[in-house]
Amino acid sequence: MANKNANQNIEIDNIETDFDFEEVEGFLSKQLEESFSDLELLEKDRATISEPDSLGKVVLDEVWKQFGNQIGLDMTNETLIQKYDREHPEQYKDIADKVMQNQQYKDANKAMKEKQKAGTLKDEYSGKDLKRNEEANLDHVVSRKEVFENQRRKQANLDVADLANKEENLKPTNESLNKSKGAKSNKEYVETRETREKKLIEENERANKKVDESNKSDVEKRLQKEKNDKRLNDKLAADDDLMMQADKEARKAINKDIRVNAAKEIGKKAGKDALKTMAISALFSLLKEIMKGLIRFFKEKSKSIKGFLSEMKESIKSFFSKILSVVQTGASTFIGTIISEIFGPIVSLFKKLASLIKQGISSVIDAVNYLRDKKNKDKPFTVKAAQVGKIITVGLVGGSAIFLGEVFEKFLLTVPGMQINIPLIGTLANMIGLFLSSLVSGLVGAIILNLIDKFISKTLKGEKGHQIIGKKNEIMNLQQAQLYVAENRVVALKENVMGEILENHALAKGVMRESLNKIFYDDNTNDSKNKNNISENQSDLVQMQKDLEGLL
């Protein structure tokens, strides 16, 4: 009975409900803690959103930036083609004869004549053997004029004579065919074959007719007409496939030299342009920081050498913290130079187009970098659009400064004394023009940038404000949920305890009933035994009494 009672004795603490309120309360507490932490971060973020700088500061910064930018662009504006034309002002007529006087051509021409004397010279355009008594010429497959006018050759900084007199570009042919071809390309010569041959035949017929009408003897007429027919046949003997094969080989060799050397020259120029731009950018950044340091120093009430050195140290430290922007400027210039040179023949037609391309490339790179930055991933679309708008504005302002600078320069060049040359930069007119264009464009750009900054600041603060309100509402909801769970937990615990008390009461009642029944049963058994004992004793007494009576 004791063991049974022990097994039935269930403690309140061990009774579990179907719904774990403690776990829910713990989860809500954790969520609430995280929400308070997020709210704190949001409020800190809103506090760090700074107000736009004053317009005066923006103007000063933008004018200063544009001036340094324009100097850097102006120093790297000249393309390789423009540079070559500046350094080689000669015209084709000045070059044509020099090509024929080049030692490479002389050596090749001498080797051709020796082959002809030996009877081993073949006409590369007709496939026929050139006899000893025939007039043979060494033709430039790609004409001297075409090589001279090749813009990519100028980029590669290759000499006309060296390129035109490459072995693959010199082919022996008969004199008549060579003169007929002239400065045409082989492709052009082949494509106009039908028209050209018809014209040649008509010309030959007219020439023979003149011979027949002349006062020459019949023998002289026959010889002259044979000579005319021989020239015609030499011209008509041109084989299209051989001419195109020769053209292909010559162009392949020439273009290979141009391609290799142009890549080298473009690479060198891109590197030099990047270094020049970085140097100018670094110089202006350093000067700007030093000027800020000097202004802070002069504002101090007590001035000392130690204070001055401290401000200069702080300026230099600030400069080095922004050195990455200098490197990015160099990278933009490097890419801009390569793109400008890829479109070199077109860019070279316009004086400032290379600078405009570099300015555009710089803006595009800045915009892409901003959008790719993980820190800007969660910013509102309007803020992203505004920031990209700032970058585009800077690019447009820089582009307008380029053209304004040219306008100011042209005007100033008419003023006496403005033609004085400044090393690395250009004329005094150019320098002043750059400053004036930077001033005008900087003022306009600063006003626009200041307005965009105000819009961004207002938008960011509004966005953070909405986020803070949302987070506070979330906290209130969590607190209400937490209160609701706590109240229901108390109710559940109360019901659980009452249920356990009733159950324990019922259990106690059962135990008591069983105990009483047992006691009652035991008492009844004892009474019966007692009654039996009494009856037996009484019988014995009756028997004793009978026995006594018998004796008497």
Protein backbone atom coordinates (compact mmCIF):
# COMPACT_ATOMS: atom_id res chain seq x y z
CA MET A 1 0.00 0.00 0.00
CA ALA A 2 2.85 2.37 0.83
CA ASN A 3 4.49 1.68 -2.61
CA LYS A 4 1.21 2.25 -4.38
CA ASN A 5 0.76 5.57 -2.62
CA ALA A 6 4.29 6.60 -3.53
CA ASN A 7 3.79 5.81 -7.24
CA GLN A 8 0.61 7.83 -7.26
CA ASN A 9 2.21 10.81 -5.55
CA ILE A 10 2.94 13.16 -8.56
CA GLU A 11 4.64 16.50 -7.88
CA ILE A 12 3.28 19.72 -9.38
CA ASP A 13 6.66 20.79 -10.75
CA ASN A 14 6.87 17.73 -12.97
CA ILE A 15 3.51 18.30 -14.64
CA GLU A 16 3.96 19.76 -18.20
CA THR A 17 1.32 21.48 -20.29
CA ASP A 18 0.83 20.89 -24.01
CA PHE A 19 2.01 24.46 -24.85
CA ASP A 20 5.53 25.54 -23.69
CA PHE A 21 5.00 29.14 -22.57
CA GLU A 22 8.53 29.43 -21.20
CA GLU A 23 10.06 28.65 -24.61
CA VAL A 24 7.81 31.21 -26.31
CA GLU A 25 8.68 33.84 -23.69
CA GLY A 26 12.38 33.13 -24.20
CA PHE A 27 12.03 33.48 -27.99
CA LEU A 28 10.10 36.76 -27.64
CA SER A 29 12.69 38.12 -25.20
CA LYS A 30 15.47 37.34 -27.67
CA GLN A 31 13.54 38.98 -30.53
CA LEU A 32 12.89 42.01 -28.37
CA GLU A 33 16.56 42.31 -27.47
CA GLU A 34 17.56 42.14 -31.16
CA SER A 35 14.94 44.72 -32.09
CA PHE A 36 16.21 47.16 -29.46
CA SER A 37 19.74 46.63 -30.83
CA ASP A 38 18.54 47.29 -34.40
CA LEU A 39 16.71 50.41 -33.23
CA GLU A 40 19.87 51.71 -31.61
CA LEU A 41 21.83 51.14 -34.83
CA LEU A 42 19.18 52.88 -36.93
CA GLU A 43 19.23 55.92 -34.64
CA LYS A 44 23.02 56.02 -34.81
CA ASP A 45 22.88 55.79 -38.62
CA ARG A 46 20.41 58.65 -38.80
CA ALA A 47 22.64 60.73 -36.53
CA THR A 48 25.63 60.10 -38.83
CA ILE A 49 23.81 61.36 -41.94
CA SER A 50 25.53 64.70 -42.26
CA GLU A 51 24.04 67.83 -43.68
CA PRO A 52 25.47 68.94 -47.06
CA ASP A 53 28.49 71.23 -46.88
CA SER A 54 27.85 74.91 -47.31
CA LEU A 55 27.64 76.07 -50.92
CA GLY A 56 30.81 78.12 -50.52
CA LYS A 57 32.85 75.08 -49.54
CA VAL A 58 31.35 73.01 -52.36
CA VAL A 59 32.20 75.75 -54.88
CA LEU A 60 35.78 75.99 -53.65
CA ASP A 61 36.26 72.22 -53.72
CA GLU A 62 34.69 71.83 -57.16
CA VAL A 63 36.64 74.69 -58.79
CA TRP A 64 39.85 73.33 -57.30
CA LYS A 65 39.01 69.82 -58.46
CA GLN A 66 38.10 70.93 -61.98
CA PHE A 67 41.28 72.97 -62.34
CA GLY A 68 43.50 70.02 -61.40
CA ASN A 69 41.40 67.72 -63.56
CA GLN A 70 41.63 69.98 -66.61
CA ILE A 71 45.41 70.33 -66.29
CA GLY A 72 45.76 66.54 -66.10
CA LEU A 73 43.50 66.03 -69.12
CA ASP A 74 45.23 68.75 -71.11
CA MET A 75 48.64 67.22 -70.48
CA THR A 76 47.43 63.86 -71.84
CA ASN A 77 45.08 65.11 -74.54
CA GLU A 78 47.36 64.61 -77.56
CA THR A 79 46.85 61.26 -79.30
CA LEU A 80 49.69 59.25 -80.85
CA ILE A 81 48.46 60.18 -84.33
CA GLN A 82 48.36 63.88 -83.45
CA LYS A 83 51.83 63.59 -81.95
CA TYR A 84 53.20 61.89 -85.08
CA ASP A 85 51.69 64.55 -87.36
CA ARG A 86 53.19 67.27 -85.17
CA GLU A 87 56.63 65.68 -85.23
CA HIS A 88 56.48 64.73 -88.96
CA PRO A 89 54.93 67.67 -90.85
CA GLU A 90 56.20 66.44 -94.26
CA GLN A 91 53.73 65.70 -97.10
CA TYR A 92 53.59 62.62 -99.32
CA LYS A 93 55.51 64.29 -102.13
CA ASP A 94 58.38 64.80 -99.69
CA ILE A 95 58.33 61.12 -98.73
CA ALA A 96 57.71 59.31 -102.04
CA ASP A 97 61.22 59.76 -103.43
CA LYS A 98 62.85 58.97 -100.06
CA VAL A 99 61.17 55.56 -100.12
CA MET A 100 62.82 54.78 -103.47
CA GLN A 101 66.18 55.99 -102.14
CA ASN A 102 65.98 53.82 -99.05
CA GLN A 103 68.76 51.26 -98.80
CA GLN A 104 66.28 48.39 -98.39
CA TYR A 105 64.71 49.24 -101.75
CA LYS A 106 68.08 49.63 -103.45
CA ASP A 107 69.26 46.26 -102.19
CA ALA A 108 66.03 44.54 -103.25
CA ASN A 109 66.15 46.19 -106.71
CA LYS A 110 69.78 45.11 -107.17
CA ALA A 111 68.92 41.52 -106.20
CA MET A 112 66.04 41.55 -108.74
CA LYS A 113 68.29 42.67 -111.61
CA GLU A 114 70.83 39.97 -110.77
CA LYS A 115 68.10 37.34 -110.95
CA GLN A 116 66.94 38.75 -114.28
CA LYS A 117 70.47 38.52 -115.69
CA ALA A 118 70.70 34.94 -114.47
CA GLY A 119 67.35 34.19 -116.17
CA THR A 120 65.62 33.16 -112.95
CA LEU A 121 63.37 36.18 -112.43
CA LYS A 122 59.64 35.54 -112.42
CA ASP A 123 56.83 38.10 -112.74
CA GLU A 124 54.98 37.79 -109.42
CA TYR A 125 51.77 39.24 -110.90
CA SER A 126 51.52 37.15 -114.08
CA GLY A 127 53.57 34.05 -113.25
CA LYS A 128 55.62 34.42 -116.43
CA ASP A 129 59.42 34.52 -116.63
CA LEU A 130 60.94 37.96 -117.16
CA LYS A 131 63.55 37.79 -119.93
CA ARG A 132 66.86 39.59 -119.83
CA ASN A 133 65.80 42.18 -122.43
CA GLU A 134 62.45 43.00 -120.73
CA GLU A 135 61.89 46.02 -118.56
CA ALA A 136 61.33 44.78 -114.99
CA ASN A 137 60.13 46.93 -112.09
CA LEU A 138 60.07 46.32 -108.36
CA ASP A 139 56.49 47.15 -107.34
CA HIS A 140 55.25 48.17 -103.91
CA VAL A 141 52.30 45.81 -103.48
CA VAL A 142 50.82 48.13 -100.85
CA SER A 143 51.58 51.47 -102.40
CA ARG A 144 53.85 54.05 -100.82
CA LYS A 145 50.94 56.48 -100.62
CA GLU A 146 48.70 54.00 -98.80
CA VAL A 147 51.47 53.26 -96.29
CA PHE A 148 52.06 56.99 -95.81
CA GLU A 149 48.36 57.67 -95.14
CA ASN A 150 47.89 54.69 -92.79
CA GLN A 151 46.81 56.18 -89.44
CA ARG A 152 47.67 53.06 -87.46
CA ARG A 153 51.22 53.29 -88.79
CA LYS A 154 51.41 56.72 -87.18
CA GLN A 155 50.23 55.23 -83.89
CA ALA A 156 52.97 52.61 -84.19
CA ASN A 157 55.49 55.38 -84.98
CA LEU A 158 56.88 53.41 -87.95
CA ASP A 159 58.87 54.96 -90.80
CA VAL A 160 57.16 54.91 -94.21
CA ALA A 161 60.25 53.72 -96.04
CA ASP A 162 60.98 50.89 -93.62
CA LEU A 163 57.40 49.63 -93.77
CA ALA A 164 56.86 50.08 -97.52
CA ASN A 165 60.16 48.38 -98.38
CA LYS A 166 59.55 45.20 -96.42
CA GLU A 167 60.54 42.11 -98.38
CA GLU A 168 56.94 40.87 -98.59
CA ASN A 169 55.81 44.22 -100.05
CA LEU A 170 58.32 44.29 -102.95
CA LYS A 171 57.33 42.15 -105.97
CA PRO A 172 58.99 42.14 -109.43
CA THR A 173 56.70 42.62 -112.42
CA ASN A 174 56.87 43.96 -115.95
CA GLU A 175 57.11 47.70 -116.36
CA SER A 176 53.83 48.07 -118.28
CA LEU A 177 51.80 46.30 -115.60
CA ASN A 178 53.53 48.26 -112.86
CA LYS A 179 52.75 51.59 -114.52
CA SER A 180 49.19 50.51 -115.24
CA LYS A 181 48.67 49.60 -111.59
CA GLY A 182 50.14 52.87 -110.33
CA ALA A 183 49.12 53.71 -106.75
CA LYS A 184 46.08 51.45 -106.83
CA SER A 185 45.85 48.54 -104.45
CA ASN A 186 45.94 45.05 -105.95
CA LYS A 187 42.38 44.48 -104.80
CA GLU A 188 41.16 47.63 -106.52
CA TYR A 189 43.14 46.72 -109.65
CA VAL A 190 41.58 43.24 -109.81
CA GLU A 191 38.03 44.40 -109.05
CA THR A 192 38.07 46.90 -111.96
CA ARG A 193 39.58 44.36 -114.38
CA GLU A 194 36.73 44.25 -116.91
CA THR A 195 36.40 48.03 -117.23
CA ARG A 196 40.16 48.49 -117.16
CA GLU A 197 40.88 45.90 -119.89
CA LYS A 198 38.21 47.33 -122.17
CA LYS A 199 39.75 50.76 -121.75
CA LEU A 200 43.28 49.41 -122.35
CA ILE A 201 42.22 47.67 -125.57
CA GLU A 202 40.53 50.84 -126.85
CA GLU A 203 43.60 52.90 -126.01
CA ASN A 204 45.83 50.41 -127.83
CA GLU A 205 43.60 50.47 -130.89
CA ARG A 206 43.77 54.26 -130.99
CA ALA A 207 47.56 54.14 -130.59
CA ASN A 208 47.93 51.63 -133.45
CA LYS A 209 45.61 53.71 -135.61
CA LYS A 210 47.84 56.74 -135.07
CA VAL A 211 50.83 54.62 -136.06
CA ASP A 212 49.06 53.57 -139.25
CA GLU A 213 48.26 57.20 -140.03
CA SER A 214 51.82 58.34 -139.37
CA ASN A 215 54.51 58.95 -142.02
CA LYS A 216 56.68 56.10 -140.69
CA SER A 217 57.79 53.27 -142.91
CA ASP A 218 55.92 50.00 -142.91
CA VAL A 219 58.73 48.32 -140.93
CA GLU A 220 58.69 51.08 -138.31
CA LYS A 221 54.92 50.89 -138.14
CA ARG A 222 55.03 47.13 -137.64
CA LEU A 223 57.68 47.36 -134.92
CA GLN A 224 55.82 50.15 -133.14
CA LYS A 225 52.53 48.28 -133.26
CA GLU A 226 54.25 45.12 -131.97
CA LYS A 227 55.61 47.15 -129.08
CA ASN A 228 52.15 48.56 -128.36
CA ASP A 229 50.61 45.10 -128.49
CA LYS A 230 53.38 43.77 -126.21
CA ARG A 231 52.61 46.43 -123.61
CA LEU A 232 48.91 45.64 -123.83
CA ASN A 233 49.50 41.92 -123.44
CA ASP A 234 51.80 42.52 -120.46
CA LYS A 235 49.04 44.51 -118.79
CA LEU A 236 46.40 41.94 -119.64
CA ALA A 237 48.61 39.11 -118.38
CA ALA A 238 47.97 40.05 -114.73
CA ASP A 239 46.71 37.01 -112.85
CA ASP A 240 44.01 37.86 -110.30
CA ASP A 241 44.90 35.05 -107.88
CA LEU A 242 48.61 35.85 -107.93
CA MET A 243 47.98 39.55 -107.36
CA MET A 244 45.60 38.88 -104.46
CA GLN A 245 48.02 36.36 -102.93
CA ALA A 246 50.82 38.92 -103.11
CA ASP A 247 48.51 41.55 -101.58
CA LYS A 248 47.54 39.21 -98.73
CA GLU A 249 51.17 38.39 -97.86
CA ALA A 250 52.27 42.02 -98.01
CA ARG A 251 49.41 43.30 -95.85
CA LYS A 252 49.88 40.51 -93.33
CA ALA A 253 53.55 41.43 -92.86
CA ILE A 254 52.86 45.19 -92.72
CA ASN A 255 49.87 44.90 -90.38
CA LYS A 256 51.80 42.60 -88.05
CA ASP A 257 54.52 45.25 -87.59
CA ILE A 258 51.88 47.95 -87.13
CA ARG A 259 49.88 45.87 -84.65
CA VAL A 260 52.85 44.94 -82.49
CA ASN A 261 54.40 48.40 -82.43
CA ALA A 262 51.05 50.18 -81.99
CA ALA A 263 50.29 48.02 -78.94
CA LYS A 264 53.68 48.93 -77.47
CA GLU A 265 53.23 52.64 -78.16
CA ILE A 266 49.67 52.70 -76.82
CA GLY A 267 50.76 50.83 -73.68
CA LYS A 268 53.62 53.27 -73.08
CA LYS A 269 51.39 56.29 -73.66
CA ALA A 270 48.64 54.93 -71.39
CA GLY A 271 51.20 54.35 -68.63
CA LYS A 272 52.73 57.81 -69.03
CA ASP A 273 49.30 59.47 -69.13
CA ALA A 274 48.28 57.63 -65.97
CA LEU A 275 51.46 58.71 -64.16
CA LYS A 276 51.07 62.33 -65.30
CA THR A 277 47.45 62.46 -64.18
CA MET A 278 48.25 60.80 -60.86
CA ALA A 279 51.10 63.27 -60.28
CA ILE A 280 48.85 66.27 -60.96
CA SER A 281 46.01 64.80 -58.89
CA ALA A 282 48.36 64.01 -56.00
CA LEU A 283 49.95 67.46 -56.16
CA PHE A 284 46.61 69.25 -56.06
CA SER A 285 45.31 66.98 -53.27
CA LEU A 286 48.41 67.63 -51.20
CA LEU A 287 48.25 71.39 -51.78
CA LYS A 288 44.58 71.37 -50.85
CA GLU A 289 45.22 69.56 -47.55
CA ILE A 290 48.17 71.86 -46.75
CA MET A 291 46.00 74.91 -47.38
CA LYS A 292 43.35 73.49 -45.02
CA GLY A 293 46.06 72.92 -42.42
CA LEU A 294 47.32 76.50 -42.79
CA ILE A 295 43.78 77.86 -42.40
CA ARG A 296 43.31 75.83 -39.19
CA PHE A 297 46.71 77.06 -37.95
CA PHE A 298 45.90 80.72 -38.57
CA LYS A 299 42.55 80.34 -36.79
CA GLU A 300 44.25 79.20 -33.60
CA LYS A 301 44.64 81.84 -30.91
CA SER A 302 48.06 80.68 -29.78
CA LYS A 303 50.43 79.99 -32.67
CA SER A 304 53.66 78.04 -32.36
CA ILE A 305 56.10 76.02 -34.44
CA LYS A 306 54.83 72.89 -32.73
CA GLY A 307 51.26 73.77 -33.66
CA PHE A 308 52.28 74.49 -37.27
CA LEU A 309 54.14 71.18 -37.58
CA SER A 310 51.21 69.38 -36.03
CA GLU A 311 48.80 70.83 -38.62
CA MET A 312 51.19 69.98 -41.48
CA LYS A 313 51.50 66.45 -40.15
CA GLU A 314 47.73 66.17 -40.00
CA SER A 315 47.45 67.50 -43.59
CA ILE A 316 49.94 64.95 -44.90
CA LYS A 317 48.18 62.19 -42.99
CA SER A 318 44.85 63.26 -44.51
CA PHE A 319 46.45 63.31 -47.96
CA PHE A 320 47.70 59.73 -47.65
CA SER A 321 44.29 58.58 -46.40
CA LYS A 322 42.87 59.76 -49.76
CA ILE A 323 45.67 58.36 -51.93
CA LEU A 324 43.34 55.65 -53.25
CA SER A 325 41.39 58.29 -55.17
CA VAL A 326 44.65 59.34 -56.86
CA VAL A 327 45.25 55.74 -57.94
CA GLN A 328 41.68 55.49 -59.25
CA THR A 329 42.23 58.66 -61.27
CA GLY A 330 45.34 57.08 -62.81
CA ALA A 331 43.43 53.88 -63.61
CA SER A 332 40.63 55.84 -65.29
CA THR A 333 43.17 57.76 -67.37
CA PHE A 334 44.94 54.53 -68.35
CA ILE A 335 41.71 52.98 -69.61
CA GLY A 336 40.61 56.26 -71.23
CA THR A 337 43.89 56.54 -73.15
CA ILE A 338 43.58 52.99 -74.49
CA ILE A 339 39.98 53.59 -75.63
CA SER A 340 40.95 56.94 -77.18
CA GLU A 341 43.74 55.25 -79.14
CA ILE A 342 41.48 52.40 -80.28
CA PHE A 343 39.38 55.06 -81.98
CA GLY A 344 42.56 57.00 -82.79
CA PRO A 345 41.85 57.92 -86.44
CA ILE A 346 38.48 59.44 -85.46
CA VAL A 347 39.65 60.99 -82.19
CA SER A 348 42.61 62.63 -83.91
CA LEU A 349 40.27 64.70 -86.06
CA PHE A 350 39.10 66.62 -82.99
CA LYS A 351 41.47 68.47 -80.71
CA LYS A 352 39.79 67.79 -77.35
CA LEU A 353 37.93 64.55 -78.06
CA ALA A 354 40.52 62.38 -76.27
CA SER A 355 40.06 64.41 -73.07
CA LEU A 356 36.30 64.15 -73.39
CA ILE A 357 36.50 60.35 -73.73
CA LYS A 358 38.74 60.09 -70.66
CA GLN A 359 36.35 62.28 -68.68
CA GLY A 360 33.43 60.09 -69.76
CA ILE A 361 35.30 56.87 -68.94
CA SER A 362 36.17 58.21 -65.50
CA SER A 363 32.51 59.01 -64.79
CA VAL A 364 31.34 55.59 -65.99
CA ILE A 365 33.94 53.80 -63.82
CA ASP A 366 32.94 55.87 -60.78
CA ALA A 367 29.26 55.09 -61.33
CA VAL A 368 29.90 51.36 -61.77
CA ASN A 369 32.12 51.24 -58.67
CA TYR A 370 29.45 53.01 -56.63
CA LEU A 371 26.71 50.62 -57.71
CA ARG A 372 28.91 47.55 -57.14
CA ASP A 373 29.96 48.64 -53.65
CA LYS A 374 28.31 46.32 -51.10
CA LYS A 375 27.89 49.25 -48.69
CA ASN A 376 25.43 50.83 -51.13
CA LYS A 377 23.48 47.63 -51.81
CA ASP A 378 20.62 48.37 -49.40
CA LYS A 379 20.33 52.08 -50.08
CA PRO A 380 17.04 53.32 -51.56
CA PHE A 381 16.81 53.44 -55.35
CA THR A 382 16.25 57.19 -55.28
CA VAL A 383 19.51 57.69 -53.37
CA LYS A 384 21.41 55.45 -55.80
CA ALA A 385 19.94 57.35 -58.73
CA ALA A 386 20.87 60.67 -57.12
CA GLN A 387 24.45 59.53 -56.44
CA VAL A 388 24.84 58.34 -60.03
CA GLY A 389 23.38 61.69 -61.06
CA LYS A 390 26.14 63.42 -59.09
CA ILE A 391 28.77 61.36 -60.88
CA ILE A 392 27.23 62.12 -64.29
CA THR A 393 27.02 65.81 -63.36
CA VAL A 394 30.73 65.85 -62.57
CA GLY A 395 31.41 64.22 -65.95
CA LEU A 396 29.24 66.72 -67.81
CA VAL A 397 30.79 69.62 -65.94
CA GLY A 398 34.26 68.31 -66.81
CA GLY A 399 33.23 67.93 -70.45
CA SER A 400 31.89 71.46 -70.63
CA ALA A 401 35.09 72.74 -69.01
CA ILE A 402 37.11 71.10 -71.80
CA PHE A 403 35.24 73.00 -74.52
CA LEU A 404 35.08 76.21 -72.51
CA GLY A 405 38.83 76.03 -72.04
CA GLU A 406 39.33 75.83 -75.79
CA VAL A 407 37.03 78.81 -76.36
CA PHE A 408 38.86 80.91 -73.74
CA GLU A 409 42.25 79.83 -75.13
CA LYS A 410 41.37 80.89 -78.68
CA PHE A 411 40.20 84.26 -77.44
CA LEU A 412 43.24 84.83 -75.21
CA LEU A 413 45.66 83.92 -78.00
CA THR A 414 44.61 87.13 -79.72
CA VAL A 415 45.88 89.09 -76.70
CA PRO A 416 49.58 90.11 -76.91
CA GLY A 417 51.86 88.23 -74.51
CA MET A 418 49.49 85.28 -74.10
CA GLN A 419 51.53 83.16 -76.51
CA ILE A 420 54.29 82.62 -73.92
CA ASN A 421 54.93 78.88 -73.59
CA ILE A 422 54.77 77.15 -70.18
CA PRO A 423 56.68 73.82 -69.97
CA LEU A 424 54.48 70.69 -69.88
CA ILE A 425 51.25 72.70 -70.01
CA GLY A 426 51.35 74.95 -73.08
CA THR A 427 50.84 78.63 -73.64
CA LEU A 428 49.89 81.19 -71.01
CA ALA A 429 46.58 81.54 -72.85
CA ASN A 430 46.00 77.82 -72.38
CA MET A 431 46.75 78.01 -68.65
CA ILE A 432 44.44 80.97 -68.04
CA GLY A 433 41.79 79.40 -70.26
CA LEU A 434 41.91 76.25 -68.14
CA PHE A 435 41.48 78.29 -64.97
CA LEU A 436 38.56 80.34 -66.32
CA SER A 437 36.78 77.26 -67.67
CA SER A 438 37.31 75.46 -64.35
CA LEU A 439 35.93 78.48 -62.49
CA VAL A 440 32.78 78.73 -64.59
CA SER A 441 32.08 75.00 -64.76
CA GLY A 442 33.00 74.59 -61.08
CA LEU A 443 30.44 77.20 -60.03
CA VAL A 444 27.67 75.62 -62.08
CA GLY A 445 28.62 72.10 -61.00
CA ALA A 446 28.85 73.07 -57.32
CA ILE A 447 25.32 74.49 -57.30
CA ILE A 448 23.92 71.32 -58.88
CA LEU A 449 25.94 69.02 -56.61
CA ASN A 450 24.84 70.96 -53.52
CA LEU A 451 21.18 70.56 -54.50
CA ILE A 452 21.67 66.82 -55.11
CA ASP A 453 23.44 66.44 -51.75
CA LYS A 454 20.53 68.13 -49.98
CA PHE A 455 18.08 65.82 -51.71
CA ILE A 456 20.15 62.74 -50.76
CA SER A 457 20.45 63.87 -47.13
CA LYS A 458 16.73 64.54 -46.87
CA THR A 459 15.86 61.22 -48.52
CA LEU A 460 18.23 59.23 -46.31
CA LYS A 461 16.93 60.84 -43.13
CA GLY A 462 13.35 60.23 -44.22
CA GLU A 463 14.14 56.60 -45.01
CA LYS A 464 15.87 56.10 -41.65
CA GLY A 465 12.93 57.80 -39.92
CA HIS A 466 10.48 55.36 -41.50
CA GLN A 467 12.72 52.45 -40.52
CA ILE A 468 12.91 53.69 -36.91
CA ILE A 469 9.11 54.05 -36.71
CA GLY A 470 8.71 50.57 -38.17
CA LYS A 471 11.20 49.14 -35.68
CA LYS A 472 9.43 50.85 -32.74
CA ASN A 473 6.11 49.43 -33.89
CA GLU A 474 7.74 46.03 -34.12
CA ILE A 475 9.03 46.39 -30.54
CA MET A 476 5.57 47.40 -29.30
CA ASN A 477 4.03 44.37 -31.00
CA LEU A 478 6.65 42.10 -29.47
CA GLN A 479 6.03 43.60 -26.02
CA GLN A 480 2.27 43.10 -26.39
CA ALA A 481 2.85 39.52 -27.50
CA GLN A 482 5.20 39.00 -24.57
CA LEU A 483 2.57 40.40 -22.13
CA TYR A 484 -0.15 38.23 -23.67
CA VAL A 485 2.02 35.11 -23.35
CA ALA A 486 2.89 35.96 -19.72
CA GLU A 487 -0.78 36.45 -18.79
CA ASN A 488 -1.79 33.21 -20.44
CA ARG A 489 1.10 31.43 -18.78
CA VAL A 490 -0.22 32.55 -15.35
CA VAL A 491 -3.75 31.39 -16.24
CA ALA A 492 -2.38 28.07 -17.50
CA LEU A 493 -0.31 27.60 -14.36
CA LYS A 494 -3.33 28.40 -12.16
CA GLU A 495 -5.52 25.92 -14.02
CA ASN A 496 -2.77 23.35 -13.91
CA VAL A 497 -2.29 23.77 -10.13
CA MET A 498 -6.04 23.60 -9.46
CA GLY A 499 -6.30 20.49 -11.59
CA GLU A 500 -3.45 18.90 -9.70
CA ILE A 501 -5.08 19.81 -6.32
CA LEU A 502 -8.39 18.23 -7.38
CA GLU A 503 -6.56 15.19 -8.62
CA ASN A 504 -4.64 14.92 -5.35
CA HIS A 505 -7.90 15.34 -3.40
CA ALA A 506 -9.49 12.54 -5.38
CA LEU A 507 -6.43 10.40 -4.84
CA ALA A 508 -6.48 11.09 -1.08
CA LYS A 509 -10.20 10.31 -0.94
CA GLY A 510 -9.60 6.96 -2.58
CA VAL A 511 -6.76 6.14 -0.26
CA MET A 512 -8.85 7.04 2.81
CA ARG A 513 -11.80 4.99 1.59
CA GLU A 514 -9.61 1.97 1.10
CA SER A 515 -8.04 2.39 4.53
CA LEU A 516 -11.43 2.66 6.26
CA ASN A 517 -12.77 -0.37 4.44
CA LYS A 518 -9.80 -2.38 5.58
CA ILE A 519 -10.24 -1.25 9.16
CA PHE A 520 -13.97 -2.02 9.02
CA TYR A 521 -13.32 -5.48 7.61
CA ASP A 522 -10.77 -6.28 10.29
CA ASP A 523 -13.21 -5.23 13.09
CA ASN A 524 -16.00 -7.43 11.72
CA THR A 525 -13.73 -10.42 11.60
CA ASN A 526 -12.67 -9.93 15.21
CA ASP A 527 -16.33 -9.63 16.36
CA SER A 528 -17.23 -12.92 14.73
CA LYS A 529 -14.33 -14.69 16.35
CA ASN A 530 -15.29 -13.25 19.72
CA LYS A 531 -18.88 -14.41 19.25
CA ASN A 532 -17.71 -17.92 18.48
CA ASN A 533 -15.46 -17.95 21.50
CA ILE A 534 -18.32 -16.81 23.73
CA SER A 535 -20.67 -19.48 22.37
CA GLU A 536 -18.11 -22.18 22.94
CA ASN A 537 -17.48 -20.98 26.52
CA GLN A 538 -21.21 -20.89 27.24
CA SER A 539 -21.61 -24.45 25.96
CA ASP A 540 -18.85 -25.58 28.20
CA LEU A 541 -20.50 -23.92 31.17
CA VAL A 542 -23.88 -25.60 30.43
CA GLN A 543 -22.19 -28.97 30.11
CA MET A 544 -20.39 -28.46 33.46
CA GLN A 545 -23.67 -27.47 35.11
CA LYS A 546 -25.34 -30.64 33.74
CA ASP A 547 -22.52 -32.75 34.99
CA LEU A 548 -22.80 -31.21 38.47
CA GLU A 549 -26.50 -31.78 38.59
CA GLY A 550 -25.91 -35.45 37.71
CA LEU A 551 -23.56 -35.92 40.60
CA LEU A 552 -26.04 -34.46 42.99
